[in-house]
Amino acid sequence: MKTQSCVILLLLLALAGCVASTSSEPYNQKTIATINGTVTGIDTVVNANTNEPGNHIIVNSGKGLYTVHVCPDWYAQKNTIKFSIGDIIQVTGSTFTRNNEKNIYAAKIIDKSGRVIELRNLDTGKTLWGGRQRDDSSSPGFKEEEMKNKNKKGDGTIGSGKGNNGPKKDFKK
């Protein structure tokens, strides 16, 4: 009986570890950093929590590549948030590592024209789009057809509903 209890406890702990490792990293004020770099890739990925397309950009900071979690595609289109490969930008947000890759939840991005794009509250990480407050009438960027073509190679600009780096796995935000 004691052995069975130990085995069950170990299985539960192992399961808890698996769940913890697949959960989304929280926005952490203690990890806020600013990076400057060049956009080297643009991806549209499907958010595992909302099943909606979201935009990531890959930025070479000179000290490594960062996957920058920008915003849902519908929000980028609605607010004319666009980046292209080769753009030099500045990103401020909460950094974290996932699968040995550097990531940053963008709170603020300064684009090549000097435009300041606010995306999250810098202190709390709360998104300015307020979570899943999208409906088809207010979000021109979301179409069922885009979901069928998720993660496909696109035209190389953010806010287009398509990325340029080919298929990429789904990420939780």
Protein backbone atom coordinates (compact mmCIF):
# COMPACT_ATOMS: atom_id res chain seq x y z
CA MET A 1 0.00 0.00 0.00
CA LYS A 2 2.82 2.36 0.92
CA THR A 3 4.60 1.57 -2.37
CA GLN A 4 1.43 2.23 -4.38
CA SER A 5 0.97 5.57 -2.63
CA CYS A 6 4.56 6.55 -3.44
CA VAL A 7 4.12 5.56 -7.09
CA ILE A 8 0.89 7.55 -7.36
CA LEU A 9 2.52 10.56 -5.70
CA LEU A 10 5.47 10.39 -8.11
CA LEU A 11 3.13 10.16 -11.09
CA LEU A 12 1.16 13.17 -9.88
CA LEU A 13 4.36 15.18 -9.38
CA ALA A 14 5.57 14.22 -12.86
CA LEU A 15 2.23 15.25 -14.36
CA ALA A 16 2.34 18.56 -12.49
CA GLY A 17 5.81 19.17 -13.91
CA CYS A 18 4.55 18.56 -17.44
CA VAL A 19 1.65 20.93 -16.96
CA ALA A 20 3.92 23.59 -15.48
CA SER A 21 6.37 23.34 -18.36
CA THR A 22 3.67 23.88 -20.99
CA SER A 23 1.98 26.79 -19.29
CA SER A 24 2.44 30.34 -20.44
CA GLU A 25 5.18 32.37 -18.85
CA PRO A 26 3.74 35.30 -16.93
CA TYR A 27 4.70 38.89 -17.63
CA ASN A 28 7.33 39.68 -15.01
CA GLN A 29 8.21 43.26 -14.09
CA LYS A 30 11.56 42.04 -12.72
CA THR A 31 12.65 40.93 -16.20
CA ILE A 32 11.83 44.14 -18.08
CA ALA A 33 14.53 45.01 -20.58
CA THR A 34 14.98 47.11 -23.69
CA ILE A 35 16.54 45.68 -26.82
CA ASN A 36 17.52 47.42 -30.04
CA GLY A 37 17.82 45.42 -33.21
CA THR A 38 16.83 44.51 -36.71
CA VAL A 39 13.69 42.59 -37.66
CA THR A 40 14.89 39.37 -39.26
CA GLY A 41 11.66 37.38 -39.28
CA ILE A 42 7.91 37.78 -38.98
CA ASP A 43 5.54 35.02 -37.91
CA THR A 44 1.84 34.65 -37.43
CA VAL A 45 1.18 31.98 -34.83
CA VAL A 46 -2.04 30.68 -33.38
CA ASN A 47 -2.51 31.46 -29.70
CA ALA A 48 -3.27 28.16 -27.97
CA ASN A 49 -5.54 29.92 -25.45
CA THR A 50 -7.69 31.91 -27.89
CA ASN A 51 -7.16 29.99 -31.14
CA GLU A 52 -6.64 33.35 -32.88
CA PRO A 53 -3.68 34.40 -35.01
CA GLY A 54 -1.09 36.53 -33.27
CA ASN A 55 2.03 38.32 -34.44
CA HIS A 56 5.60 37.58 -33.45
CA ILE A 57 8.67 39.23 -34.87
CA ILE A 58 12.21 37.93 -34.69
CA VAL A 59 14.72 40.62 -33.71
CA ASN A 60 18.49 40.30 -33.91
CA SER A 61 19.79 42.46 -31.05
CA GLY A 62 23.45 41.85 -31.79
CA LYS A 63 23.51 39.74 -28.62
CA GLY A 64 21.17 37.10 -29.96
CA LEU A 65 17.77 36.55 -31.51
CA TYR A 66 14.59 37.40 -29.63
CA THR A 67 11.07 36.28 -30.46
CA VAL A 68 8.98 39.36 -29.75
CA HIS A 69 5.36 38.65 -28.84
CA VAL A 70 3.59 41.66 -30.32
CA CYS A 71 -0.22 41.38 -30.42
CA PRO A 72 -3.17 39.59 -32.01
CA ASP A 73 -3.31 40.00 -35.78
CA TRP A 74 -6.72 41.69 -35.64
CA TYR A 75 -5.29 44.31 -33.24
CA ALA A 76 -2.28 44.93 -35.51
CA GLN A 77 -4.54 45.47 -38.50
CA LYS A 78 -7.02 47.63 -36.60
CA ASN A 79 -4.19 49.88 -35.31
CA THR A 80 -2.00 49.81 -38.42
CA ILE A 81 0.91 48.16 -36.62
CA LYS A 82 3.31 47.04 -39.33
CA PHE A 83 6.90 45.87 -39.43
CA SER A 84 9.00 44.58 -42.29
CA ILE A 85 12.18 42.58 -42.44
CA GLY A 86 15.13 44.91 -42.11
CA ASP A 87 13.35 47.45 -39.90
CA ILE A 88 15.47 48.72 -37.04
CA ILE A 89 13.36 48.91 -33.89
CA GLN A 90 13.52 49.22 -30.11
CA VAL A 91 11.48 46.85 -27.93
CA THR A 92 10.79 47.19 -24.20
CA GLY A 93 9.06 44.42 -22.31
CA SER A 94 9.28 41.36 -20.10
CA THR A 95 11.93 38.85 -21.18
CA PHE A 96 11.81 35.09 -20.68
CA THR A 97 13.30 31.92 -22.11
CA ARG A 98 11.20 29.20 -23.75
CA ASN A 99 12.77 26.11 -25.32
CA ASN A 100 16.22 27.71 -24.89
CA GLU A 101 15.14 30.69 -27.00
CA LYS A 102 15.00 34.32 -25.87
CA ASN A 103 11.52 35.86 -25.88
CA ILE A 104 10.05 39.20 -24.91
CA TYR A 105 6.45 40.25 -24.32
CA ALA A 106 6.51 43.67 -25.97
CA ALA A 107 5.08 46.45 -23.83
CA LYS A 108 6.37 49.20 -26.11
CA ILE A 109 7.97 49.22 -29.54
CA ILE A 110 9.54 52.22 -31.23
CA ASP A 111 9.44 51.64 -34.97
CA LYS A 112 11.78 52.90 -37.69
CA SER A 113 9.83 56.16 -38.06
CA GLY A 114 10.06 56.87 -34.32
CA ARG A 115 6.42 55.97 -33.69
CA VAL A 116 5.88 54.68 -30.15
CA ILE A 117 3.56 51.66 -30.19
CA GLU A 118 2.15 50.89 -26.74
CA LEU A 119 0.98 47.28 -26.43
CA ARG A 120 0.96 46.43 -22.72
CA ASN A 121 1.12 48.24 -19.42
CA LEU A 122 4.84 48.25 -18.67
CA ASP A 123 4.33 47.56 -14.96
CA THR A 124 1.58 44.94 -15.05
CA GLY A 125 1.80 43.49 -18.55
CA LYS A 126 -1.94 43.97 -19.06
CA THR A 127 -2.61 44.10 -22.78
CA LEU A 128 -4.18 47.17 -24.33
CA TRP A 129 -6.49 44.97 -26.41
CA GLY A 130 -8.02 43.59 -23.20
CA GLY A 131 -7.80 39.90 -23.94
CA ARG A 132 -10.46 38.36 -26.17
CA GLN A 133 -12.50 41.47 -26.88
CA ARG A 134 -12.71 40.75 -30.56
CA ASP A 135 -15.68 40.15 -32.72
CA ASP A 136 -15.85 39.81 -36.47
CA SER A 137 -17.42 43.25 -36.99
CA SER A 138 -14.78 45.16 -35.03
CA SER A 139 -11.73 43.18 -36.09
CA PRO A 140 -11.12 43.24 -39.81
CA GLY A 141 -8.00 41.14 -39.33
CA PHE A 142 -9.81 37.95 -38.35
CA LYS A 143 -11.34 35.68 -40.94
CA GLU A 144 -12.14 31.98 -40.79
CA GLU A 145 -10.09 31.49 -43.97
CA GLU A 146 -7.01 32.82 -42.16
CA MET A 147 -7.44 30.15 -39.50
CA LYS A 148 -7.41 27.47 -42.21
CA ASN A 149 -4.14 28.91 -43.53
CA LYS A 150 -2.55 29.54 -40.13
CA ASN A 151 1.23 29.51 -39.87
CA LYS A 152 1.76 29.59 -43.63
CA LYS A 153 4.46 31.52 -45.44
CA GLY A 154 3.27 35.05 -46.17
CA ASP A 155 4.27 38.39 -47.56
CA GLY A 156 6.89 39.29 -44.93
CA THR A 157 5.00 42.00 -43.07
CA ILE A 158 3.31 41.98 -39.70
CA GLY A 159 -0.39 42.75 -39.63
CA SER A 160 -0.99 40.86 -42.86
CA GLY A 161 -2.27 37.70 -41.22
CA LYS A 162 0.74 35.87 -42.61
CA GLY A 163 4.37 35.45 -41.60
CA ASN A 164 7.43 34.77 -43.69
CA ASN A 165 9.23 32.07 -41.79
CA GLY A 166 7.01 29.12 -42.61
CA PRO A 167 5.26 26.82 -40.16
CA LYS A 168 5.88 27.44 -36.49
CA LYS A 169 4.38 25.70 -33.51
CA ASP A 170 1.49 27.17 -31.57
CA PHE A 171 2.41 29.29 -28.57
CA LYS A 172 0.50 30.26 -25.47
CA LYS A 173 0.66 33.92 -24.58
